[in-house]
Amino acid sequence: MAKATMSTSPVMSDATLRASLGKIQDTMCYQILNSGALAIGTGSKAKVKVVSTVYALLNGAIVKKTSAEVALSGTVTNAKFNVFVISLKADGTLTATMGTEGATIGAVVFPTIPTSEAVVGFVIINPTGTGNFVGATTNLDDGTVVPNAVYVNAPFPLNWTLMENL
């Protein structure tokens, strides 16, 4: 997400200020507390594995998720880039949400993640082999599709939708 443009007007309504502060509060109340050490799945190499036990703060409660795998859903076109964001819900469920692909890594649009989920990290996919990357089907180390998977762990509270529409 690009840096948001905020109003420079010296007059801000009470409702606008409350909405802006509410978004900041939501993001701070739903955060990952340690690295999930994202990696290729072991049960299925078409999945992403959270290797470490993850602790998250979700609306004031600590949630613990011991290593688990999550399937990626969606297709990344050959020679394009896209991301799959891995997030944790209060019930301990991991989800993978696909962004919008781009011709370059800078053109990728991250998906909107609910403020009630903590972002564990994301996986960048850039297939450069002979076909498309198909989530839940193509192995993340496939030698033909060559998905070029890069695993990025969230180092701090991360929700790029925070500044949207301030």
N, C-alpha and C. Protein backbone atom coordinates (compact mmCIF):
# COMPACT_ATOMS: atom_id res chain seq x y z
N MET A 1 0.83 -1.16 0.00
CA MET A 1 0.00 0.00 0.00
C MET A 1 0.88 1.23 0.00
N ALA A 2 0.54 2.18 -0.79
CA ALA A 2 1.27 3.44 -0.83
C ALA A 2 0.89 4.29 0.38
N LYS A 3 1.73 5.25 0.69
CA LYS A 3 1.47 6.16 1.80
C LYS A 3 0.16 6.88 1.55
N ALA A 4 -0.69 6.91 2.57
CA ALA A 4 -2.00 7.54 2.44
C ALA A 4 -1.88 9.05 2.49
N THR A 5 -2.75 9.72 1.79
CA THR A 5 -2.81 11.17 1.83
C THR A 5 -3.89 11.57 2.82
N MET A 6 -3.50 12.35 3.80
CA MET A 6 -4.45 12.79 4.81
C MET A 6 -4.83 14.24 4.56
N SER A 7 -6.00 14.59 4.99
CA SER A 7 -6.48 15.96 4.83
C SER A 7 -5.56 16.92 5.56
N THR A 8 -5.26 18.06 4.93
CA THR A 8 -4.44 19.08 5.56
C THR A 8 -5.30 20.19 6.15
N SER A 9 -6.60 20.00 6.10
CA SER A 9 -7.52 20.99 6.65
C SER A 9 -7.32 21.06 8.17
N PRO A 10 -7.25 22.29 8.74
CA PRO A 10 -7.07 22.40 10.19
C PRO A 10 -8.33 21.98 10.96
N VAL A 11 -9.43 21.83 10.25
CA VAL A 11 -10.68 21.45 10.90
C VAL A 11 -10.95 19.98 10.61
N MET A 12 -11.05 19.19 11.67
CA MET A 12 -11.35 17.76 11.53
C MET A 12 -12.54 17.47 12.42
N SER A 13 -13.53 16.84 11.88
CA SER A 13 -14.72 16.55 12.68
C SER A 13 -14.40 15.50 13.74
N ASP A 14 -15.19 15.50 14.77
CA ASP A 14 -15.04 14.53 15.85
C ASP A 14 -15.20 13.11 15.31
N ALA A 15 -16.15 12.92 14.41
CA ALA A 15 -16.40 11.59 13.84
C ALA A 15 -15.20 11.11 13.02
N THR A 16 -14.59 12.01 12.25
CA THR A 16 -13.43 11.64 11.43
C THR A 16 -12.26 11.27 12.33
N LEU A 17 -12.03 12.06 13.37
CA LEU A 17 -10.94 11.77 14.30
C LEU A 17 -11.16 10.44 15.00
N ARG A 18 -12.37 10.19 15.46
CA ARG A 18 -12.67 8.91 16.14
C ARG A 18 -12.48 7.72 15.19
N ALA A 19 -12.90 7.87 13.94
CA ALA A 19 -12.74 6.79 12.97
C ALA A 19 -11.26 6.51 12.71
N SER A 20 -10.47 7.56 12.59
CA SER A 20 -9.03 7.40 12.35
C SER A 20 -8.34 6.72 13.53
N LEU A 21 -8.64 7.18 14.74
CA LEU A 21 -8.05 6.58 15.93
C LEU A 21 -8.54 5.15 16.13
N GLY A 22 -9.79 4.88 15.76
CA GLY A 22 -10.32 3.52 15.85
C GLY A 22 -9.56 2.54 14.98
N LYS A 23 -9.16 2.98 13.78
CA LYS A 23 -8.38 2.11 12.88
C LYS A 23 -7.02 1.79 13.48
N ILE A 24 -6.39 2.79 14.08
CA ILE A 24 -5.10 2.55 14.72
C ILE A 24 -5.27 1.59 15.89
N GLN A 25 -6.30 1.80 16.71
CA GLN A 25 -6.55 0.93 17.85
C GLN A 25 -6.81 -0.51 17.39
N ASP A 26 -7.62 -0.68 16.34
CA ASP A 26 -7.92 -2.02 15.83
C ASP A 26 -6.63 -2.75 15.44
N THR A 27 -5.76 -2.05 14.72
CA THR A 27 -4.52 -2.68 14.28
C THR A 27 -3.65 -3.06 15.47
N MET A 28 -3.57 -2.22 16.47
CA MET A 28 -2.73 -2.50 17.63
C MET A 28 -3.32 -3.61 18.50
N CYS A 29 -4.62 -3.84 18.42
CA CYS A 29 -5.26 -4.88 19.22
C CYS A 29 -5.20 -6.26 18.57
N TYR A 30 -4.75 -6.32 17.32
CA TYR A 30 -4.66 -7.58 16.60
C TYR A 30 -3.27 -7.66 15.99
N GLN A 31 -2.34 -8.25 16.73
CA GLN A 31 -0.97 -8.29 16.25
C GLN A 31 -0.28 -9.59 16.59
N ILE A 32 0.65 -9.94 15.74
CA ILE A 32 1.49 -11.12 15.94
C ILE A 32 2.61 -10.70 16.90
N LEU A 33 3.01 -11.58 17.79
CA LEU A 33 4.02 -11.23 18.78
C LEU A 33 5.39 -11.85 18.51
N ASN A 34 5.44 -12.83 17.62
CA ASN A 34 6.72 -13.43 17.26
C ASN A 34 6.66 -13.99 15.84
N SER A 35 7.79 -14.35 15.30
CA SER A 35 7.86 -14.85 13.93
C SER A 35 7.23 -16.23 13.82
N GLY A 36 6.50 -16.42 12.73
CA GLY A 36 5.91 -17.72 12.46
C GLY A 36 6.86 -18.64 11.70
N ALA A 37 8.01 -18.10 11.28
CA ALA A 37 9.01 -18.86 10.52
C ALA A 37 8.35 -19.58 9.34
N LEU A 38 7.70 -18.81 8.46
CA LEU A 38 7.01 -19.39 7.31
C LEU A 38 7.98 -20.18 6.43
N ALA A 39 7.50 -21.31 5.92
CA ALA A 39 8.32 -22.18 5.08
C ALA A 39 7.41 -23.05 4.22
N ILE A 40 8.01 -23.78 3.32
CA ILE A 40 7.27 -24.73 2.50
C ILE A 40 6.68 -25.82 3.39
N GLY A 41 5.49 -26.28 3.06
CA GLY A 41 4.84 -27.32 3.86
C GLY A 41 5.62 -28.62 3.84
N THR A 42 5.43 -29.41 4.89
CA THR A 42 6.07 -30.72 4.93
C THR A 42 5.07 -31.82 4.62
N GLY A 43 3.82 -31.65 5.07
CA GLY A 43 2.78 -32.62 4.75
C GLY A 43 2.41 -32.54 3.28
N SER A 44 2.39 -31.33 2.76
CA SER A 44 2.13 -31.08 1.35
C SER A 44 2.98 -29.90 0.93
N LYS A 45 3.79 -30.09 -0.09
CA LYS A 45 4.65 -29.00 -0.56
C LYS A 45 3.88 -27.97 -1.36
N ALA A 46 2.55 -28.13 -1.45
CA ALA A 46 1.70 -27.13 -2.09
C ALA A 46 1.12 -26.19 -1.04
N LYS A 47 1.53 -26.37 0.23
CA LYS A 47 1.03 -25.55 1.33
C LYS A 47 2.18 -24.76 1.96
N VAL A 48 1.80 -23.73 2.72
CA VAL A 48 2.76 -22.95 3.49
C VAL A 48 2.64 -23.40 4.94
N LYS A 49 3.78 -23.57 5.57
CA LYS A 49 3.79 -24.04 6.96
C LYS A 49 4.25 -22.91 7.88
N VAL A 50 3.54 -22.76 8.99
CA VAL A 50 3.99 -21.91 10.09
C VAL A 50 4.79 -22.84 10.98
N VAL A 51 6.10 -22.71 10.96
CA VAL A 51 7.00 -23.66 11.62
C VAL A 51 7.05 -23.44 13.13
N SER A 52 7.14 -22.19 13.56
CA SER A 52 7.25 -21.87 14.99
C SER A 52 5.88 -21.82 15.64
N THR A 53 5.86 -21.99 16.95
CA THR A 53 4.64 -21.71 17.70
C THR A 53 4.46 -20.20 17.69
N VAL A 54 3.30 -19.76 17.23
CA VAL A 54 3.02 -18.34 17.08
C VAL A 54 2.14 -17.88 18.23
N TYR A 55 2.50 -16.72 18.76
CA TYR A 55 1.67 -16.07 19.77
C TYR A 55 1.17 -14.76 19.16
N ALA A 56 -0.10 -14.49 19.40
CA ALA A 56 -0.70 -13.26 18.87
C ALA A 56 -1.58 -12.63 19.94
N LEU A 57 -1.71 -11.33 19.86
CA LEU A 57 -2.63 -10.59 20.71
C LEU A 57 -3.84 -10.27 19.84
N LEU A 58 -4.98 -10.85 20.18
CA LEU A 58 -6.19 -10.66 19.40
C LEU A 58 -7.27 -10.11 20.31
N ASN A 59 -7.48 -8.81 20.22
CA ASN A 59 -8.46 -8.09 21.01
C ASN A 59 -8.28 -8.32 22.51
N GLY A 60 -7.03 -8.24 22.97
CA GLY A 60 -6.73 -8.35 24.39
C GLY A 60 -6.48 -9.76 24.88
N ALA A 61 -6.68 -10.77 24.06
CA ALA A 61 -6.45 -12.16 24.47
C ALA A 61 -5.23 -12.72 23.73
N ILE A 62 -4.44 -13.49 24.44
CA ILE A 62 -3.30 -14.15 23.81
C ILE A 62 -3.80 -15.42 23.13
N VAL A 63 -3.43 -15.59 21.88
CA VAL A 63 -3.77 -16.79 21.12
C VAL A 63 -2.47 -17.48 20.75
N LYS A 64 -2.43 -18.79 20.91
CA LYS A 64 -1.25 -19.59 20.60
C LYS A 64 -1.60 -20.55 19.47
N LYS A 65 -0.76 -20.60 18.46
CA LYS A 65 -0.96 -21.53 17.35
C LYS A 65 0.33 -22.30 17.16
N THR A 66 0.27 -23.60 17.41
CA THR A 66 1.42 -24.45 17.20
C THR A 66 1.48 -24.79 15.72
N SER A 67 2.65 -25.07 15.24
CA SER A 67 2.90 -25.27 13.80
C SER A 67 1.70 -25.87 13.08
N ALA A 68 1.44 -25.29 11.92
CA ALA A 68 0.30 -25.73 11.11
C ALA A 68 0.57 -25.37 9.66
N GLU A 69 -0.17 -25.99 8.75
CA GLU A 69 -0.04 -25.71 7.33
C GLU A 69 -1.33 -25.10 6.80
N VAL A 70 -1.19 -24.23 5.81
CA VAL A 70 -2.35 -23.58 5.22
C VAL A 70 -2.21 -23.66 3.69
N ALA A 71 -3.31 -23.98 3.04
CA ALA A 71 -3.32 -24.09 1.58
C ALA A 71 -3.48 -22.71 0.95
N LEU A 72 -2.83 -22.53 -0.19
CA LEU A 72 -2.98 -21.30 -0.96
C LEU A 72 -4.06 -21.55 -2.01
N SER A 73 -4.89 -20.56 -2.22
CA SER A 73 -5.98 -20.71 -3.19
C SER A 73 -5.90 -19.60 -4.21
N GLY A 74 -5.84 -19.97 -5.48
CA GLY A 74 -5.77 -19.00 -6.55
C GLY A 74 -4.61 -19.29 -7.48
N THR A 75 -4.60 -18.62 -8.62
CA THR A 75 -3.58 -18.86 -9.65
C THR A 75 -2.76 -17.60 -9.88
N VAL A 76 -1.43 -17.79 -9.97
CA VAL A 76 -0.53 -16.70 -10.34
C VAL A 76 -0.02 -17.01 -11.74
N THR A 77 -0.26 -16.11 -12.65
CA THR A 77 0.10 -16.28 -14.06
C THR A 77 1.62 -16.30 -14.22
N ASN A 78 2.08 -17.17 -15.13
CA ASN A 78 3.51 -17.25 -15.42
C ASN A 78 4.08 -15.87 -15.71
N ALA A 79 5.24 -15.58 -15.15
CA ALA A 79 5.99 -14.33 -15.31
C ALA A 79 5.36 -13.13 -14.60
N LYS A 80 4.32 -13.36 -13.81
CA LYS A 80 3.71 -12.29 -13.00
C LYS A 80 4.10 -12.49 -11.53
N PHE A 81 3.77 -11.53 -10.71
CA PHE A 81 4.02 -11.59 -9.27
C PHE A 81 2.70 -11.52 -8.53
N ASN A 82 2.65 -12.15 -7.35
CA ASN A 82 1.50 -12.00 -6.47
C ASN A 82 1.91 -12.40 -5.06
N VAL A 83 1.04 -12.09 -4.10
CA VAL A 83 1.29 -12.43 -2.71
C VAL A 83 0.11 -13.22 -2.15
N PHE A 84 0.41 -14.04 -1.18
CA PHE A 84 -0.59 -14.73 -0.37
C PHE A 84 -0.28 -14.33 1.07
N VAL A 85 -1.22 -13.64 1.71
CA VAL A 85 -1.02 -13.18 3.08
C VAL A 85 -1.56 -14.24 4.04
N ILE A 86 -0.73 -14.64 4.99
CA ILE A 86 -1.11 -15.63 5.99
C ILE A 86 -1.50 -14.87 7.25
N SER A 87 -2.73 -15.12 7.74
CA SER A 87 -3.19 -14.42 8.94
C SER A 87 -3.82 -15.41 9.91
N LEU A 88 -3.92 -14.97 11.16
CA LEU A 88 -4.41 -15.80 12.25
C LEU A 88 -5.67 -15.18 12.83
N LYS A 89 -6.71 -16.02 12.97
CA LYS A 89 -7.98 -15.58 13.57
C LYS A 89 -7.99 -15.93 15.06
N ALA A 90 -8.90 -15.34 15.81
CA ALA A 90 -8.99 -15.56 17.25
C ALA A 90 -9.24 -17.02 17.62
N ASP A 91 -9.89 -17.78 16.74
CA ASP A 91 -10.16 -19.19 17.04
C ASP A 91 -8.96 -20.09 16.70
N GLY A 92 -7.84 -19.48 16.28
CA GLY A 92 -6.64 -20.25 15.97
C GLY A 92 -6.55 -20.71 14.53
N THR A 93 -7.50 -20.32 13.70
CA THR A 93 -7.51 -20.70 12.29
C THR A 93 -6.55 -19.82 11.50
N LEU A 94 -5.74 -20.47 10.66
CA LEU A 94 -4.88 -19.74 9.74
C LEU A 94 -5.61 -19.59 8.42
N THR A 95 -5.46 -18.43 7.79
CA THR A 95 -6.03 -18.22 6.47
C THR A 95 -4.96 -17.68 5.53
N ALA A 96 -5.13 -17.95 4.26
CA ALA A 96 -4.25 -17.40 3.23
C ALA A 96 -5.12 -16.62 2.26
N THR A 97 -4.82 -15.34 2.11
CA THR A 97 -5.61 -14.47 1.24
C THR A 97 -4.71 -13.96 0.12
N MET A 98 -5.15 -14.16 -1.12
CA MET A 98 -4.36 -13.78 -2.28
C MET A 98 -4.58 -12.31 -2.63
N GLY A 99 -3.48 -11.66 -3.05
CA GLY A 99 -3.56 -10.28 -3.52
C GLY A 99 -3.95 -10.25 -4.99
N THR A 100 -3.67 -9.12 -5.63
CA THR A 100 -3.92 -8.96 -7.06
C THR A 100 -2.57 -8.92 -7.75
N GLU A 101 -2.39 -9.81 -8.73
CA GLU A 101 -1.09 -9.93 -9.38
C GLU A 101 -0.72 -8.71 -10.20
N GLY A 102 0.60 -8.58 -10.41
CA GLY A 102 1.11 -7.49 -11.22
C GLY A 102 2.26 -7.96 -12.09
N ALA A 103 2.59 -7.19 -13.10
CA ALA A 103 3.69 -7.53 -14.00
C ALA A 103 5.04 -7.39 -13.30
N THR A 104 5.10 -6.56 -12.26
CA THR A 104 6.31 -6.40 -11.45
C THR A 104 5.92 -6.58 -9.99
N ILE A 105 6.90 -6.78 -9.14
CA ILE A 105 6.60 -6.94 -7.72
C ILE A 105 5.99 -5.66 -7.15
N GLY A 106 6.41 -4.52 -7.67
CA GLY A 106 5.86 -3.24 -7.21
C GLY A 106 4.43 -3.00 -7.62
N ALA A 107 3.94 -3.73 -8.59
CA ALA A 107 2.56 -3.56 -9.07
C ALA A 107 1.57 -4.46 -8.34
N VAL A 108 2.07 -5.36 -7.48
CA VAL A 108 1.19 -6.25 -6.72
C VAL A 108 0.35 -5.42 -5.75
N VAL A 109 -0.93 -5.76 -5.64
CA VAL A 109 -1.82 -5.09 -4.70
C VAL A 109 -2.13 -6.10 -3.59
N PHE A 110 -1.78 -5.72 -2.36
CA PHE A 110 -2.05 -6.60 -1.23
C PHE A 110 -3.55 -6.68 -0.97
N PRO A 111 -4.03 -7.83 -0.48
CA PRO A 111 -5.46 -7.97 -0.20
C PRO A 111 -5.85 -7.22 1.06
N THR A 112 -7.13 -6.94 1.20
CA THR A 112 -7.63 -6.35 2.44
C THR A 112 -7.76 -7.47 3.47
N ILE A 113 -7.14 -7.25 4.61
CA ILE A 113 -7.19 -8.23 5.70
C ILE A 113 -8.09 -7.65 6.79
N PRO A 114 -9.04 -8.43 7.29
CA PRO A 114 -9.90 -7.92 8.36
C PRO A 114 -9.05 -7.47 9.56
N THR A 115 -9.43 -6.37 10.20
CA THR A 115 -8.66 -5.90 11.34
C THR A 115 -8.74 -6.87 12.51
N SER A 116 -9.63 -7.83 12.46
CA SER A 116 -9.76 -8.82 13.53
C SER A 116 -8.80 -10.00 13.36
N GLU A 117 -7.89 -9.93 12.40
CA GLU A 117 -6.91 -10.98 12.18
C GLU A 117 -5.50 -10.40 12.31
N ALA A 118 -4.58 -11.21 12.81
CA ALA A 118 -3.19 -10.81 12.92
C ALA A 118 -2.41 -11.39 11.74
N VAL A 119 -1.67 -10.55 11.05
CA VAL A 119 -0.89 -11.00 9.90
C VAL A 119 0.39 -11.69 10.38
N VAL A 120 0.54 -12.96 10.02
CA VAL A 120 1.73 -13.74 10.36
C VAL A 120 2.85 -13.43 9.38
N GLY A 121 2.51 -13.23 8.13
CA GLY A 121 3.48 -12.93 7.08
C GLY A 121 2.85 -13.12 5.72
N PHE A 122 3.69 -13.18 4.70
CA PHE A 122 3.16 -13.40 3.36
C PHE A 122 4.19 -14.12 2.51
N VAL A 123 3.69 -14.71 1.43
CA VAL A 123 4.53 -15.43 0.48
C VAL A 123 4.41 -14.73 -0.86
N ILE A 124 5.56 -14.38 -1.43
CA ILE A 124 5.59 -13.79 -2.77
C ILE A 124 5.78 -14.93 -3.76
N ILE A 125 4.97 -14.99 -4.80
CA ILE A 125 5.07 -16.01 -5.84
C ILE A 125 5.34 -15.33 -7.18
N ASN A 126 6.32 -15.86 -7.91
CA ASN A 126 6.68 -15.34 -9.24
C ASN A 126 7.09 -16.51 -10.12
N PRO A 127 6.09 -17.20 -10.73
CA PRO A 127 6.44 -18.35 -11.57
C PRO A 127 7.20 -17.93 -12.83
N THR A 128 8.33 -18.58 -13.05
CA THR A 128 9.15 -18.24 -14.23
C THR A 128 9.48 -19.46 -15.07
N GLY A 129 8.78 -20.55 -14.81
CA GLY A 129 9.03 -21.77 -15.57
C GLY A 129 8.12 -21.86 -16.78
N THR A 130 7.50 -23.02 -16.96
CA THR A 130 6.70 -23.26 -18.16
C THR A 130 5.19 -23.15 -17.95
N GLY A 131 4.76 -22.76 -16.76
CA GLY A 131 3.32 -22.68 -16.52
C GLY A 131 2.97 -21.76 -15.38
N ASN A 132 1.68 -21.72 -15.08
CA ASN A 132 1.17 -20.89 -13.99
C ASN A 132 1.34 -21.61 -12.66
N PHE A 133 1.38 -20.85 -11.57
CA PHE A 133 1.33 -21.41 -10.23
C PHE A 133 -0.13 -21.54 -9.84
N VAL A 134 -0.55 -22.74 -9.48
CA VAL A 134 -1.94 -22.99 -9.08
C VAL A 134 -1.94 -23.38 -7.61
N GLY A 135 -2.53 -22.52 -6.79
CA GLY A 135 -2.58 -22.78 -5.36
C GLY A 135 -3.21 -24.12 -5.02
N ALA A 136 -2.69 -24.75 -3.97
CA ALA A 136 -3.15 -26.06 -3.48
C ALA A 136 -2.86 -27.20 -4.45
N THR A 137 -2.27 -26.90 -5.60
CA THR A 137 -1.94 -27.93 -6.59
C THR A 137 -0.45 -27.93 -6.90
N THR A 138 0.10 -26.76 -7.24
CA THR A 138 1.51 -26.65 -7.59
C THR A 138 2.36 -26.65 -6.33
N ASN A 139 3.36 -27.52 -6.28
CA ASN A 139 4.29 -27.51 -5.15
C ASN A 139 5.10 -26.22 -5.16
N LEU A 140 5.39 -25.72 -3.98
CA LEU A 140 6.14 -24.47 -3.85
C LEU A 140 7.60 -24.60 -4.26
N ASP A 141 8.05 -25.82 -4.49
CA ASP A 141 9.42 -26.04 -4.99
C ASP A 141 9.40 -26.74 -6.36
N ASP A 142 8.28 -26.60 -7.08
CA ASP A 142 8.11 -27.26 -8.38
C ASP A 142 9.22 -26.82 -9.35
N GLY A 143 9.88 -27.78 -9.97
CA GLY A 143 10.97 -27.51 -10.88
C GLY A 143 10.54 -27.11 -12.28
N THR A 144 9.28 -27.34 -12.64
CA THR A 144 8.78 -26.97 -13.96
C THR A 144 8.15 -25.58 -13.95
N VAL A 145 7.28 -25.34 -12.98
CA VAL A 145 6.63 -24.04 -12.86
C VAL A 145 7.60 -23.00 -12.29
N VAL A 146 8.51 -23.43 -11.43
CA VAL A 146 9.48 -22.57 -10.74
C VAL A 146 8.77 -21.39 -10.09
N PRO A 147 8.05 -21.63 -8.99
CA PRO A 147 7.25 -20.56 -8.38
C PRO A 147 8.07 -19.44 -7.72
N ASN A 148 9.37 -19.68 -7.47
CA ASN A 148 10.20 -18.65 -6.84
C ASN A 148 9.54 -18.10 -5.57
N ALA A 149 9.12 -18.97 -4.68
CA ALA A 149 8.44 -18.56 -3.45
C ALA A 149 9.41 -17.90 -2.49
N VAL A 150 9.00 -16.74 -1.99
CA VAL A 150 9.77 -16.00 -0.99
C VAL A 150 8.86 -15.85 0.23
N TYR A 151 9.35 -16.26 1.39
CA TYR A 151 8.57 -16.23 2.63
C TYR A 151 8.98 -15.02 3.45
N VAL A 152 8.01 -14.17 3.79
CA VAL A 152 8.29 -12.95 4.56
C VAL A 152 7.47 -13.00 5.84
N ASN A 153 8.16 -12.96 6.98
CA ASN A 153 7.49 -12.97 8.28
C ASN A 153 7.20 -11.55 8.73
N ALA A 154 6.04 -11.33 9.34
CA ALA A 154 5.67 -10.00 9.82
C ALA A 154 6.49 -9.67 11.07
N PRO A 155 7.33 -8.62 11.01
CA PRO A 155 8.19 -8.30 12.15
C PRO A 155 7.54 -7.41 13.19
N PHE A 156 6.35 -6.90 12.91
CA PHE A 156 5.66 -5.96 13.80
C PHE A 156 4.19 -5.96 13.42
N PRO A 157 3.33 -5.29 14.21
CA PRO A 157 1.91 -5.25 13.83
C PRO A 157 1.77 -4.76 12.39
N LEU A 158 1.13 -5.55 11.58
CA LEU A 158 1.09 -5.26 10.15
C LEU A 158 -0.34 -5.37 9.64
N ASN A 159 -0.87 -4.25 9.20
CA ASN A 159 -2.16 -4.25 8.51
C ASN A 159 -2.18 -3.02 7.62
N TRP A 160 -1.83 -3.22 6.35
CA TRP A 160 -1.69 -2.12 5.41
C TRP A 160 -3.00 -1.43 5.09
N THR A 161 -4.12 -1.99 5.54
CA THR A 161 -5.41 -1.33 5.31
C THR A 161 -5.67 -0.27 6.37
N LEU A 162 -4.80 -0.15 7.36
CA LEU A 162 -4.97 0.81 8.44
C LEU A 162 -5.19 2.23 7.94
N MET A 163 -4.37 2.68 7.03
CA MET A 163 -4.40 4.07 6.62
C MET A 163 -5.36 4.36 5.46
N GLU A 164 -6.03 3.34 4.96
CA GLU A 164 -6.95 3.57 3.86
C GLU A 164 -8.13 4.43 4.33
N ASN A 165 -8.47 5.37 3.53
CA ASN A 165 -9.65 6.23 3.74
C ASN A 165 -9.63 7.01 5.05
N LEU A 166 -8.44 7.43 5.50
CA LEU A 166 -8.40 8.28 6.69
C LEU A 166 -8.85 9.67 6.34
